[in-house]
Amino acid sequence: MPEFHQDTLANGLRVITVPMPHLHAAEMMFFFHVGSRHEAPEVAGVSHFLEHMVFRGNRDYPTGPDLERAFEAIGGYVNAATDIETTCYHSRLHPAHLDKATELFASMLLYPLLRDLDTERRVILEEALEDLNEHGEEINPDTLCARLLWPDHPLGRPPIGSRESIEAMRREDLEAHRARYYTPRNLVAVVAGRVEHADFVAAVERHFGRWQGDCAPPPLPFEAAGVRPGPHSRWVRDSGSQVSLQLAFRAPGRGDAGSLALRVLRRVLSGGGSARLMLRLREELGLTYGVEAQLMQTAETGALAIDLSLAPESLERAVAEVLRLLDDLCAVPVPEEELAGVVRAFLYELEFSCDFTEELAARYGWGATVGNLRTLERERREVAALTPEVLLQTARAIFRPEALCLAVVGPWSEDLKRRVTRLLKGFRS
């Protein structure tokens, strides 16, 4: 059985079906290739704002509750998410209601009323306040590091926008953004579950086929050559008993030849309780309850970030230990046995994903949207071919002091800041 089927309608809309005939549910997703990196500064957050407004009723279902009840009637629970590059609308459904689900999404995406803007504005402002302290300062380490990694670029802004841009958002801004980016050529429709590809293509053609639109404009590219070399750090004082930190390295984009090796390297650092970060910082030293490494990649750039929270008096030791672990990865190849265990866990996760409609729908739908559609078979083949030497070269290419950024939020002192800053400057010197 093929992993997926794909067709393109005459209007440019791509349709993907992932057959999972053994299941009793299906997952339907609609991916637009638009996110915060496509936005001008004055309308920062417009993609996220528009995503919210789509749920406030449309031509066929005038209110949000009307729409929710319609999805619930077919076994669904409609939701959405906006990130740096994509906006995704999705719902579970019973396979018997494939056509109805497609109709509901068409009503949402093609005929939104975009009303009650001020009410939704208040909701979004409440969401934005979660990342600010009582002084209105940004305290989300993700955003603080992003501003250091991609200065003066849309990639450095949070998808939600700023308080100022949210308060200034107008209906005209939403309509202009929707006209520019909500086009059939900028959309991928995907369903995973006990469904037939021909049936889904017919349903999408029936409800979206008459829709027309041009290609969406590309985002502003990022040029690392224009960024002042690091290390860079950002320190924000906040009340609490712990400091939260993110230590991040700017990385190549997902199209880079070493992208898969970087994903495996992340698992060497943070693939479970026996991975290097947890083993050293928690099990051996007791410095933190948990530590995690995350990898984010866009078309041309990315970041590998390490996050943890701990007592202020443990911060210097923790940063020193993390930098030492990274230095080790640049000096000594990962042992064959350790790599074999990481690869085995990687392959298990690929296999486990075949039991979850939302995971496979996201894999192929998102992949097609951003031009990075990777099959399970390709991933199995490529990860099995990785060697310790490849990981060593990848670590040396990524963990460079000039690409290093640190964000710290919490009750830190100036003396602590000076000592940690010295550690950063001494990394791989």
Protein backbone atom coordinates (compact mmCIF):
# COMPACT_ATOMS: atom_id res chain seq x y z
CA MET A 1 0.00 0.00 0.00
CA PRO A 2 1.41 3.44 -0.92
CA GLU A 3 2.01 5.80 2.00
CA PHE A 4 -0.17 8.52 0.46
CA HIS A 5 -1.98 9.63 -2.70
CA GLN A 6 -1.77 13.13 -4.15
CA ASP A 7 -3.62 15.11 -6.82
CA THR A 8 -3.87 18.76 -7.80
CA LEU A 9 -7.14 20.40 -8.81
CA ALA A 10 -7.37 22.69 -11.84
CA ASN A 11 -7.31 25.73 -9.53
CA GLY A 12 -3.99 24.64 -7.99
CA LEU A 13 -5.29 23.23 -4.68
CA ARG A 14 -3.34 20.11 -3.69
CA VAL A 15 -5.23 17.12 -2.26
CA ILE A 16 -3.55 14.34 -0.25
CA THR A 17 -5.06 11.16 1.19
CA VAL A 18 -3.24 8.90 3.66
CA PRO A 19 -4.93 5.47 3.68
CA MET A 20 -5.35 3.93 7.16
CA PRO A 21 -8.14 1.40 6.51
CA HIS A 22 -7.79 -0.32 9.89
CA LEU A 23 -8.94 2.75 11.85
CA HIS A 24 -12.38 4.01 12.84
CA ALA A 25 -11.65 7.76 12.73
CA ALA A 26 -10.15 10.18 10.23
CA GLU A 27 -8.29 13.48 10.57
CA MET A 28 -8.80 16.29 8.05
CA MET A 29 -6.39 19.21 7.80
CA PHE A 30 -6.13 22.31 5.61
CA PHE A 31 -2.66 23.90 5.51
CA PHE A 32 -2.14 27.43 4.20
CA HIS A 33 1.47 28.36 3.51
CA VAL A 34 1.34 31.56 5.54
CA GLY A 35 2.51 32.46 9.02
CA SER A 36 4.22 35.17 10.99
CA ARG A 37 7.26 35.32 8.69
CA HIS A 38 5.00 36.55 5.87
CA GLU A 39 3.85 39.63 7.81
CA ALA A 40 4.91 43.29 7.69
CA PRO A 41 5.83 44.80 11.09
CA GLU A 42 2.76 47.02 11.24
CA VAL A 43 0.42 44.02 10.99
CA ALA A 44 2.48 41.54 13.03
CA GLY A 45 0.16 38.78 14.21
CA VAL A 46 -2.36 39.17 11.38
CA SER A 47 -2.11 35.47 10.39
CA HIS A 48 -2.93 34.39 13.93
CA PHE A 49 -5.68 37.03 14.25
CA LEU A 50 -7.29 35.88 11.00
CA GLU A 51 -7.16 32.25 12.16
CA HIS A 52 -9.17 33.26 15.25
CA MET A 53 -11.68 35.29 13.25
CA VAL A 54 -12.48 32.40 10.89
CA PHE A 55 -14.15 30.67 13.85
CA ARG A 56 -16.56 33.57 14.45
CA GLY A 57 -19.11 32.44 11.91
CA ASN A 58 -19.55 32.28 8.15
CA ARG A 59 -22.19 32.44 5.45
CA ASP A 60 -23.60 29.00 6.25
CA TYR A 61 -22.99 28.87 10.02
CA PRO A 62 -23.46 32.45 11.30
CA THR A 63 -21.96 31.96 14.78
CA GLY A 64 -19.04 30.11 16.29
CA PRO A 65 -21.30 27.77 18.30
CA ASP A 66 -23.26 26.94 15.12
CA LEU A 67 -20.02 25.84 13.49
CA GLU A 68 -18.88 23.89 16.56
CA ARG A 69 -22.17 21.97 16.73
CA ALA A 70 -21.94 21.10 13.03
CA PHE A 71 -18.48 19.58 13.52
CA GLU A 72 -19.57 17.76 16.68
CA ALA A 73 -22.41 16.17 14.71
CA ILE A 74 -19.87 14.33 12.53
CA GLY A 75 -17.61 13.30 15.41
CA GLY A 76 -15.33 16.32 15.12
CA TYR A 77 -13.76 19.05 17.20
CA VAL A 78 -12.47 21.78 14.91
CA ASN A 79 -9.32 23.64 15.87
CA ALA A 80 -6.46 25.58 14.30
CA ALA A 81 -2.87 26.70 14.84
CA THR A 82 -0.61 29.37 13.37
CA ASP A 83 3.17 29.20 13.43
CA ILE A 84 6.07 30.87 11.64
CA GLU A 85 5.30 29.44 8.19
CA THR A 86 1.87 27.81 8.18
CA THR A 87 -1.73 28.14 9.33
CA CYS A 88 -3.51 24.81 9.85
CA TYR A 89 -7.22 24.14 10.35
CA HIS A 90 -8.05 20.60 11.44
CA SER A 91 -10.68 18.28 12.85
CA ARG A 92 -11.29 14.64 13.63
CA LEU A 93 -14.33 13.14 11.89
CA HIS A 94 -16.14 9.91 11.30
CA PRO A 95 -15.12 8.55 7.87
CA ALA A 96 -18.78 8.28 6.85
CA HIS A 97 -18.97 12.10 6.90
CA LEU A 98 -16.06 12.90 4.60
CA ASP A 99 -18.11 15.10 2.28
CA LYS A 100 -19.82 16.97 5.13
CA ALA A 101 -16.50 17.72 6.82
CA THR A 102 -15.11 19.08 3.56
CA GLU A 103 -18.20 21.26 3.19
CA LEU A 104 -17.77 22.63 6.72
CA PHE A 105 -14.16 23.57 6.08
CA ALA A 106 -15.15 25.23 2.80
CA SER A 107 -17.72 27.33 4.66
CA MET A 108 -15.08 28.37 7.20
CA LEU A 109 -12.28 29.16 4.80
CA LEU A 110 -14.14 30.61 1.80
CA TYR A 111 -17.00 32.53 3.41
CA PRO A 112 -15.99 33.91 6.85
CA LEU A 113 -17.97 36.86 8.15
CA LEU A 114 -15.00 38.39 10.00
CA ARG A 115 -17.25 40.07 12.55
CA ASP A 116 -16.97 40.66 16.32
CA LEU A 117 -13.42 41.84 15.78
CA ASP A 118 -13.17 43.75 19.06
CA THR A 119 -14.38 40.76 21.06
CA GLU A 120 -11.75 38.51 19.50
CA ARG A 121 -9.15 41.22 19.94
CA ARG A 122 -9.70 41.03 23.71
CA VAL A 123 -9.28 37.24 23.60
CA ILE A 124 -6.00 37.51 21.69
CA LEU A 125 -4.69 40.22 24.01
CA GLU A 126 -5.33 37.90 26.95
CA GLU A 127 -3.38 35.19 25.14
CA ALA A 128 -0.52 37.62 24.49
CA LEU A 129 -0.36 38.62 28.17
CA GLU A 130 0.80 35.10 29.05
CA ASP A 131 4.24 36.02 27.67
CA LEU A 132 4.57 39.36 29.50
CA ASN A 133 5.42 40.20 33.10
CA GLU A 134 3.74 42.85 35.25
CA HIS A 135 5.96 45.51 33.63
CA GLY A 136 4.92 44.54 30.11
CA GLU A 137 8.31 42.96 29.35
CA GLU A 138 8.66 39.87 27.18
CA ILE A 139 9.43 36.82 29.35
CA ASN A 140 9.03 33.99 26.85
CA PRO A 141 12.56 32.56 26.28
CA ASP A 142 11.50 31.33 22.82
CA THR A 143 10.76 34.88 21.69
CA LEU A 144 13.78 36.40 23.43
CA CYS A 145 16.12 33.95 21.71
CA ALA A 146 14.35 34.36 18.36
CA ARG A 147 15.04 38.09 18.45
CA LEU A 148 18.73 37.34 18.98
CA LEU A 149 18.92 34.61 16.34
CA TRP A 150 17.05 36.54 13.63
CA PRO A 151 17.35 40.24 14.50
CA ASP A 152 15.26 42.76 12.54
CA HIS A 153 13.51 39.95 10.66
CA PRO A 154 9.96 38.52 10.85
CA LEU A 155 11.40 35.20 12.09
CA GLY A 156 12.35 37.02 15.28
CA ARG A 157 8.76 38.00 16.07
CA PRO A 158 6.23 35.83 17.93
CA PRO A 159 3.34 34.54 15.75
CA ILE A 160 0.81 36.28 18.02
CA GLY A 161 2.28 39.70 17.25
CA SER A 162 2.76 42.52 19.74
CA ARG A 163 0.26 44.23 21.99
CA GLU A 164 0.54 47.34 19.82
CA SER A 165 -0.07 45.51 16.54
CA ILE A 166 -3.00 43.54 18.00
CA GLU A 167 -4.66 46.70 19.30
CA ALA A 168 -4.19 48.41 15.93
CA MET A 169 -5.48 45.51 13.79
CA ARG A 170 -8.34 46.49 11.46
CA ARG A 171 -10.84 44.48 9.48
CA GLU A 172 -9.20 45.85 6.33
CA ASP A 173 -5.88 44.31 7.41
CA LEU A 174 -7.53 40.90 7.83
CA GLU A 175 -9.28 41.12 4.47
CA ALA A 176 -6.11 42.16 2.64
CA HIS A 177 -4.11 39.36 4.25
CA ARG A 178 -6.79 36.81 3.44
CA ALA A 179 -7.01 37.93 -0.19
CA ARG A 180 -3.25 37.69 -0.57
CA TYR A 181 -2.59 34.34 1.11
CA TYR A 182 -5.85 32.39 1.29
CA THR A 183 -5.77 31.16 -2.28
CA PRO A 184 -6.19 27.63 -3.69
CA ARG A 185 -2.59 27.58 -4.93
CA ASN A 186 -1.42 28.26 -1.38
CA LEU A 187 -3.48 25.47 0.21
CA VAL A 188 -3.04 21.74 0.84
CA ALA A 189 -6.03 19.61 1.88
CA VAL A 190 -5.16 16.31 3.55
CA VAL A 191 -7.13 13.53 5.21
CA ALA A 192 -5.81 10.43 6.97
CA GLY A 193 -7.94 7.46 7.95
CA ARG A 194 -10.42 4.97 6.50
CA VAL A 195 -11.17 7.01 3.41
CA GLU A 196 -10.79 6.59 -0.35
CA HIS A 197 -8.64 9.05 -2.25
CA ALA A 198 -11.13 9.38 -5.12
CA ASP A 199 -13.87 10.27 -2.64
CA PHE A 200 -11.78 13.00 -1.00
CA VAL A 201 -10.69 14.46 -4.33
CA ALA A 202 -14.34 14.56 -5.42
CA ALA A 203 -15.41 16.24 -2.17
CA VAL A 204 -12.68 18.89 -2.38
CA GLU A 205 -13.51 19.50 -6.05
CA ARG A 206 -17.20 19.85 -5.20
CA HIS A 207 -16.72 22.39 -2.40
CA PHE A 208 -13.48 24.17 -3.38
CA GLY A 209 -13.23 23.62 -7.14
CA ARG A 210 -14.79 26.92 -8.28
CA TRP A 211 -12.51 28.95 -6.02
CA GLN A 212 -9.86 30.91 -7.92
CA GLY A 213 -6.78 32.89 -6.86
CA ASP A 214 -3.21 33.74 -7.70
CA CYS A 215 0.01 32.43 -6.19
CA ALA A 216 0.85 33.96 -2.82
CA PRO A 217 3.95 36.17 -2.51
CA PRO A 218 7.05 34.58 -0.94
CA PRO A 219 8.31 35.65 2.49
CA LEU A 220 11.31 37.85 3.16
CA PRO A 221 14.38 35.56 3.08
CA PHE A 222 16.86 35.49 5.94
CA GLU A 223 20.57 36.12 5.34
CA ALA A 224 22.80 34.96 8.18
CA ALA A 225 25.72 36.88 6.69
CA GLY A 226 24.18 40.12 7.90
CA VAL A 227 24.03 39.11 11.58
CA ARG A 228 26.74 40.23 14.00
CA PRO A 229 28.61 37.16 15.32
CA GLY A 230 27.78 35.96 18.84
CA PRO A 231 27.62 34.84 21.50
CA HIS A 232 24.63 37.04 22.33
CA SER A 233 22.48 37.03 25.46
CA ARG A 234 19.30 38.67 26.73
CA TRP A 235 18.50 38.87 30.44
CA VAL A 236 15.07 39.82 31.81
CA ARG A 237 14.30 40.07 35.51
CA ASP A 238 11.10 38.44 36.67
CA SER A 239 9.69 37.39 40.01
CA GLY A 240 9.75 33.74 41.03
CA SER A 241 11.91 31.12 42.68
CA GLN A 242 13.53 29.86 39.46
CA VAL A 243 15.24 31.18 36.38
CA SER A 244 14.18 29.89 32.97
CA LEU A 245 16.76 29.79 30.25
CA GLN A 246 17.06 28.91 26.61
CA LEU A 247 20.43 28.31 25.02
CA ALA A 248 20.14 28.21 21.23
CA PHE A 249 22.29 27.89 18.13
CA ARG A 250 21.25 29.15 14.72
CA ALA A 251 21.18 26.21 12.32
CA PRO A 252 20.70 25.53 8.60
CA GLY A 253 17.24 25.14 7.10
CA ARG A 254 15.42 21.88 6.56
CA GLY A 255 16.69 21.60 2.99
CA ASP A 256 20.28 21.30 4.19
CA ALA A 257 21.97 17.94 3.59
CA GLY A 258 22.66 17.58 7.31
CA SER A 259 19.10 18.16 8.44
CA LEU A 260 18.36 14.55 9.40
CA ALA A 261 21.68 14.22 11.22
CA LEU A 262 20.76 17.33 13.21
CA ARG A 263 17.43 15.76 14.17
CA VAL A 264 19.25 12.67 15.42
CA LEU A 265 21.81 14.82 17.25
CA ARG A 266 18.95 16.49 19.10
CA ARG A 267 17.85 13.04 20.27
CA VAL A 268 21.34 12.28 21.52
CA LEU A 269 20.95 15.32 23.74
CA SER A 270 17.28 14.98 24.63
CA GLY A 271 15.70 11.70 23.63
CA GLY A 272 14.53 10.51 27.04
CA GLY A 273 15.76 9.95 30.57
CA SER A 274 18.98 8.30 29.41
CA ALA A 275 19.86 11.04 26.91
CA ARG A 276 22.89 13.17 27.70
CA LEU A 277 21.20 16.33 29.01
CA MET A 278 18.85 14.55 31.41
CA LEU A 279 21.48 12.07 32.48
CA ARG A 280 23.99 14.75 33.44
CA LEU A 281 21.87 17.67 34.69
CA ARG A 282 19.14 15.74 36.47
CA GLU A 283 20.26 12.22 37.29
CA GLU A 284 23.90 12.90 38.12
CA LEU A 285 23.89 16.51 39.36
CA GLY A 286 20.27 17.12 40.43
CA LEU A 287 20.32 20.65 38.99
CA THR A 288 16.88 20.62 37.36
CA TYR A 289 13.64 18.67 37.20
CA GLY A 290 13.74 18.53 33.43
CA VAL A 291 15.70 19.71 30.41
CA GLU A 292 14.77 19.44 26.77
CA ALA A 293 16.32 20.16 23.39
CA GLN A 294 14.11 21.32 20.52
CA LEU A 295 14.82 21.72 16.81
CA MET A 296 13.02 24.27 14.64
CA GLN A 297 13.77 24.59 10.93
CA THR A 298 12.35 26.81 8.21
CA ALA A 299 13.20 26.78 4.53
CA GLU A 300 16.58 28.51 4.89
CA THR A 301 17.40 28.67 8.61
CA GLY A 302 16.62 27.10 11.95
CA ALA A 303 17.64 26.74 15.58
CA LEU A 304 18.53 23.99 18.01
CA ALA A 305 17.50 25.17 21.47
CA ILE A 306 17.96 23.75 24.97
CA ASP A 307 15.39 24.75 27.63
CA LEU A 308 15.39 24.30 31.39
CA SER A 309 14.32 25.98 34.63
CA LEU A 310 16.24 25.85 37.90
CA ALA A 311 17.26 27.74 41.05
CA PRO A 312 19.35 30.89 40.40
CA GLU A 313 22.30 29.51 42.35
CA SER A 314 22.44 26.52 39.95
CA LEU A 315 22.43 28.58 36.74
CA GLU A 316 26.18 29.00 36.29
CA ARG A 317 26.86 25.31 36.89
CA ALA A 318 24.06 24.26 34.53
CA VAL A 319 25.26 26.49 31.70
CA ALA A 320 28.82 25.23 32.19
CA GLU A 321 27.66 21.61 32.05
CA VAL A 322 25.52 22.14 28.94
CA LEU A 323 28.40 23.83 27.13
CA ARG A 324 30.71 20.99 28.20
CA LEU A 325 28.31 18.40 26.79
CA LEU A 326 28.13 20.28 23.49
CA ASP A 327 31.90 20.61 23.37
CA ASP A 328 32.17 16.84 23.88
CA LEU A 329 29.90 16.24 20.89
CA CYS A 330 32.27 18.39 18.81
CA ALA A 331 35.37 16.53 20.03
CA VAL A 332 34.47 12.84 20.31
CA PRO A 333 32.24 10.77 17.98
CA VAL A 334 29.04 9.40 19.51
CA PRO A 335 29.75 5.74 20.43
CA GLU A 336 28.26 3.17 18.04
CA GLU A 337 26.13 1.63 20.79
CA GLU A 338 24.66 4.97 21.82
CA LEU A 339 23.88 5.92 18.22
CA ALA A 340 22.27 2.52 17.63
CA GLY A 341 19.94 3.12 20.58
CA VAL A 342 18.98 6.58 19.35
CA VAL A 343 18.32 5.30 15.83
CA ARG A 344 16.25 2.42 17.20
CA ALA A 345 14.06 4.84 19.18
CA PHE A 346 13.74 7.05 16.08
CA LEU A 347 12.53 4.10 14.02
CA TYR A 348 10.08 3.04 16.72
CA GLU A 349 8.53 6.51 16.72
CA LEU A 350 8.14 6.39 12.95
CA GLU A 351 6.35 3.06 13.31
CA PHE A 352 4.18 4.28 16.19
CA SER A 353 3.08 7.30 14.12
CA CYS A 354 1.24 4.89 11.80
CA ASP A 355 -1.38 4.46 14.54
CA PHE A 356 -2.29 8.17 14.70
CA THR A 357 -4.27 9.89 11.99
CA GLU A 358 -3.25 13.38 13.11
CA GLU A 359 0.46 12.55 12.94
CA LEU A 360 0.34 11.17 9.41
CA ALA A 361 -1.98 13.90 8.15
CA ALA A 362 0.41 16.51 9.55
CA ARG A 363 3.49 14.73 8.14
CA TYR A 364 2.27 14.72 4.55
CA GLY A 365 0.09 17.85 4.63
CA TRP A 366 2.67 20.08 6.28
CA GLY A 367 5.46 18.52 4.23
CA ALA A 368 3.69 19.26 0.95
CA THR A 369 2.85 22.79 2.09
CA VAL A 370 6.44 23.81 2.87
CA GLY A 371 8.09 21.71 0.16
CA ASN A 372 9.57 19.13 2.50
CA LEU A 373 7.45 16.02 2.00
CA ARG A 374 9.45 13.12 3.43
CA THR A 375 8.04 9.60 3.37
CA LEU A 376 8.43 7.18 6.25
CA GLU A 377 10.42 4.85 4.03
CA ARG A 378 12.88 7.60 3.09
CA GLU A 379 13.37 8.51 6.75
CA ARG A 380 13.98 4.87 7.71
CA ARG A 381 16.54 4.46 4.97
CA GLU A 382 18.43 7.68 5.65
CA VAL A 383 18.54 7.42 9.43
CA ALA A 384 19.89 3.88 9.21
CA ALA A 385 22.79 5.19 7.10
CA LEU A 386 23.97 7.77 9.66
CA THR A 387 27.40 7.25 11.23
CA PRO A 388 29.19 8.69 14.29
CA GLU A 389 31.47 10.63 11.94
CA VAL A 390 28.49 12.31 10.27
CA LEU A 391 27.12 13.36 13.67
CA LEU A 392 30.56 14.67 14.69
CA GLN A 393 30.77 16.86 11.60
CA THR A 394 27.20 18.06 12.14
CA ALA A 395 27.93 19.01 15.75
CA ARG A 396 31.03 20.97 14.74
CA ALA A 397 29.06 22.83 12.10
CA ILE A 398 26.20 23.75 14.46
CA PHE A 399 27.71 24.34 17.89
CA ARG A 400 29.73 27.42 17.02
CA PRO A 401 30.17 30.38 19.38
CA GLU A 402 29.26 32.90 16.69
CA ALA A 403 25.83 31.21 16.32
CA LEU A 404 25.15 30.97 20.08
CA CYS A 405 22.37 32.88 21.87
CA LEU A 406 21.15 32.74 25.46
CA ALA A 407 17.95 34.06 27.04
CA VAL A 408 17.52 34.12 30.83
CA VAL A 409 14.34 35.09 32.67
CA GLY A 410 13.99 35.23 36.44
CA PRO A 411 15.60 36.53 39.66
CA TRP A 412 19.23 36.77 38.52
CA SER A 413 21.99 39.06 39.81
CA GLU A 414 24.50 41.19 37.90
CA ASP A 415 27.36 39.11 39.25
CA LEU A 416 25.70 35.92 38.02
CA LYS A 417 25.15 37.51 34.62
CA ARG A 418 28.87 38.42 34.36
CA ARG A 419 30.00 34.90 35.27
CA VAL A 420 27.65 33.22 32.77
CA THR A 421 28.62 35.69 30.06
CA ARG A 422 32.27 34.67 30.56
CA LEU A 423 31.27 31.04 30.09
CA LEU A 424 29.62 31.87 26.77
CA LYS A 425 32.67 33.76 25.53
CA GLY A 426 34.89 30.83 26.44
CA PHE A 427 32.83 28.21 24.59
CA ARG A 428 35.03 26.43 22.00
CA SER A 429 37.44 29.37 22.09
